[in-house]
Protein backbone atom coordinates (compact mmCIF):
# COMPACT_ATOMS: atom_id res chain seq x y z
CA UNK A 1 -15.05 25.29 -0.48
CA UNK A 2 -12.97 22.75 -1.62
CA UNK A 3 -9.45 22.63 -0.26
CA UNK A 4 -6.55 22.37 -2.20
CA UNK A 5 -4.73 19.02 -3.01
CA UNK A 6 -1.59 18.45 -0.50
CA UNK A 7 1.36 17.89 -2.07
CA UNK A 8 3.62 14.77 -1.18
CA UNK A 9 7.26 15.39 -0.49
CA UNK A 10 9.26 13.18 -2.81
CA UNK A 11 10.76 10.97 -0.97
CA UNK A 12 14.62 10.57 -0.85
CA UNK A 13 15.62 7.40 -2.50
CA UNK A 14 18.30 5.16 -1.42
CA UNK A 15 19.83 1.54 -2.33
CA UNK A 16 17.63 -1.50 -1.83
CA UNK A 17 16.77 -5.04 -2.95
CA UNK A 18 13.05 -6.66 -3.44
CA UNK A 19 12.03 -9.94 -4.77
CA UNK A 20 9.12 -9.55 -7.33
CA UNK A 21 7.40 -12.49 -9.41
CA UNK A 22 6.51 -11.40 -12.63
CA UNK A 23 3.84 -12.51 -14.48
CA UNK A 24 5.04 -12.69 -18.13
CA UNK A 25 2.30 -14.50 -19.34
CA UNK A 26 0.04 -11.54 -19.16
CA UNK A 27 2.25 -8.89 -20.45
CA UNK A 28 3.11 -10.52 -23.38
CA UNK A 29 -0.44 -11.81 -24.64
CA UNK A 30 -1.58 -10.69 -27.75
CA UNK A 31 2.30 -10.38 -28.64
CA UNK A 32 3.23 -11.75 -32.17
CA UNK A 33 5.56 -15.28 -31.79
CA UNK A 34 9.05 -13.74 -33.00
CA UNK A 35 8.81 -10.71 -30.75
CA UNK A 36 7.78 -12.16 -27.55
CA UNK A 37 11.19 -12.60 -26.10
CA UNK A 38 12.61 -9.04 -26.94
CA UNK A 39 9.30 -7.95 -25.61
CA UNK A 40 9.38 -9.92 -22.16
CA UNK A 41 12.79 -8.23 -21.45
CA UNK A 42 11.14 -4.70 -22.21
CA UNK A 43 8.78 -5.51 -20.09
CA UNK A 44 10.86 -6.47 -17.35
CA UNK A 45 12.97 -3.08 -17.87
CA UNK A 46 9.68 -1.37 -17.94
CA UNK A 47 8.34 -2.76 -14.42
CA UNK A 48 12.33 -2.19 -12.75
CA UNK A 49 11.80 1.35 -14.15
CA UNK A 50 8.32 1.93 -12.63
CA UNK A 51 9.17 0.19 -9.20
CA UNK A 52 12.72 1.37 -8.66
CA UNK A 53 12.33 5.12 -10.42
CA UNK A 54 15.71 4.50 -11.79
CA UNK A 55 15.82 4.79 -16.01
CA UNK A 56 19.22 2.95 -15.80
CA UNK A 57 18.21 -0.79 -15.68
CA UNK A 58 20.90 -3.29 -16.35
CA UNK A 59 19.59 -7.23 -16.84
CA UNK A 60 21.57 -10.33 -15.82
CA UNK A 61 22.98 -12.64 -18.18
CA UNK A 62 21.63 -15.47 -16.42
CA UNK A 63 17.78 -13.90 -16.41
CA UNK A 64 18.26 -13.20 -20.06
CA UNK A 65 19.13 -16.92 -20.59
CA UNK A 66 16.49 -17.72 -18.75
CA UNK A 67 13.71 -15.72 -20.73
CA UNK A 68 15.17 -16.97 -24.02
CA UNK A 69 15.52 -20.41 -22.89
CA UNK A 70 12.30 -22.16 -24.52
CA UNK A 71 12.98 -20.06 -27.58
CA UNK A 72 12.28 -16.59 -28.93
CA UNK A 73 8.00 -17.44 -28.67
CA UNK A 74 7.80 -19.71 -25.95
CA UNK A 75 8.61 -17.31 -22.93
CA UNK A 76 7.91 -18.84 -19.44
CA UNK A 77 4.50 -18.11 -17.72
CA UNK A 78 6.04 -16.58 -14.50
CA UNK A 79 9.44 -15.27 -13.33
CA UNK A 80 10.72 -14.53 -10.14
CA UNK A 81 13.50 -11.78 -9.84
CA UNK A 82 15.62 -9.45 -7.89
CA UNK A 83 15.52 -6.23 -8.49
CA UNK A 84 18.86 -4.23 -6.40
CA UNK A 85 18.94 -0.74 -6.79
CA UNK A 86 22.56 0.72 -6.74
CA UNK A 87 24.64 3.65 -6.20
CA UNK A 88 26.27 4.31 -9.62
CA UNK A 89 29.94 4.44 -8.86
CA UNK A 90 30.83 5.60 -12.75
CA UNK A 91 32.32 9.49 -12.37
CA UNK A 92 30.30 10.41 -15.33
CA UNK A 93 27.23 8.94 -14.33
CA UNK A 94 23.86 10.88 -15.84
CA UNK A 95 21.79 9.28 -12.82
CA UNK A 96 22.85 8.53 -9.00
CA UNK A 97 21.04 5.57 -9.23
CA UNK A 98 21.05 2.32 -11.47
CA UNK A 99 18.72 -1.33 -11.32
CA UNK A 100 20.10 -4.42 -11.59
CA UNK A 101 17.50 -7.33 -12.38
CA UNK A 102 18.44 -10.29 -11.62
CA UNK A 103 17.19 -14.55 -11.65
CA UNK A 104 16.09 -15.88 -8.80
CA UNK A 105 15.28 -19.65 -8.99
CA UNK A 106 12.16 -21.00 -7.43
CA UNK A 107 10.52 -24.53 -7.10
CA UNK A 108 6.85 -23.01 -7.07
CA UNK A 109 5.46 -19.54 -7.31
CA UNK A 110 2.66 -20.10 -5.06
CA UNK A 111 2.04 -17.85 -1.60
CA UNK A 112 5.48 -15.47 -3.21
CA UNK A 113 4.53 -11.56 -2.87
CA UNK A 114 7.10 -8.94 -3.13
CA UNK A 115 9.41 -9.11 0.00
CA UNK A 116 12.69 -7.48 0.96
CA UNK A 117 15.61 -10.03 -0.22
CA UNK A 118 17.38 -11.80 2.82
CA UNK A 119 20.14 -13.60 1.06
CA UNK A 120 21.92 -11.29 -1.35
CA UNK A 121 23.12 -12.46 -4.41
CA UNK A 122 26.75 -11.13 -4.39
CA UNK A 123 27.75 -10.24 -7.46
CA UNK A 124 30.58 -11.62 -9.44
C-alpha cells in the first residue's frame, strides 16, 4: 500500500542577501515593444517574491535606471542583481520581511551563479 507523503516543515525565514543573474531576454520574449521595460520590472519583482518568499519587493533606483537606460523597448539582455531579505522596521507593517533588489555592475556574466553576497552594499 501507498504511504502518505511526509509534509516538509516550513523553514523559518531570516535576513539573507544573494546575488543572481537574471536573463531578461527570455522573460520578455514575445512582449510588445511598448510594454517591455515595465514588464521587465514586474518580472524582477516576481523573481524576488518567488526566491525570497516576500510579497513586499522594493526596487532600487539604480536598477530601475539601468533597465530603462536603453529606452522602453531595448532592455538589457541580462542583469546581475543583489536581493536582500530584510526585517521590516515599520510598526504597522503587514509582513515581517521585505526584499530589496539592487543593481550589481559586472564586466561579464560568464561563470556567475547564484551566490551569497560577500561585499554588502551599504544602504544610503
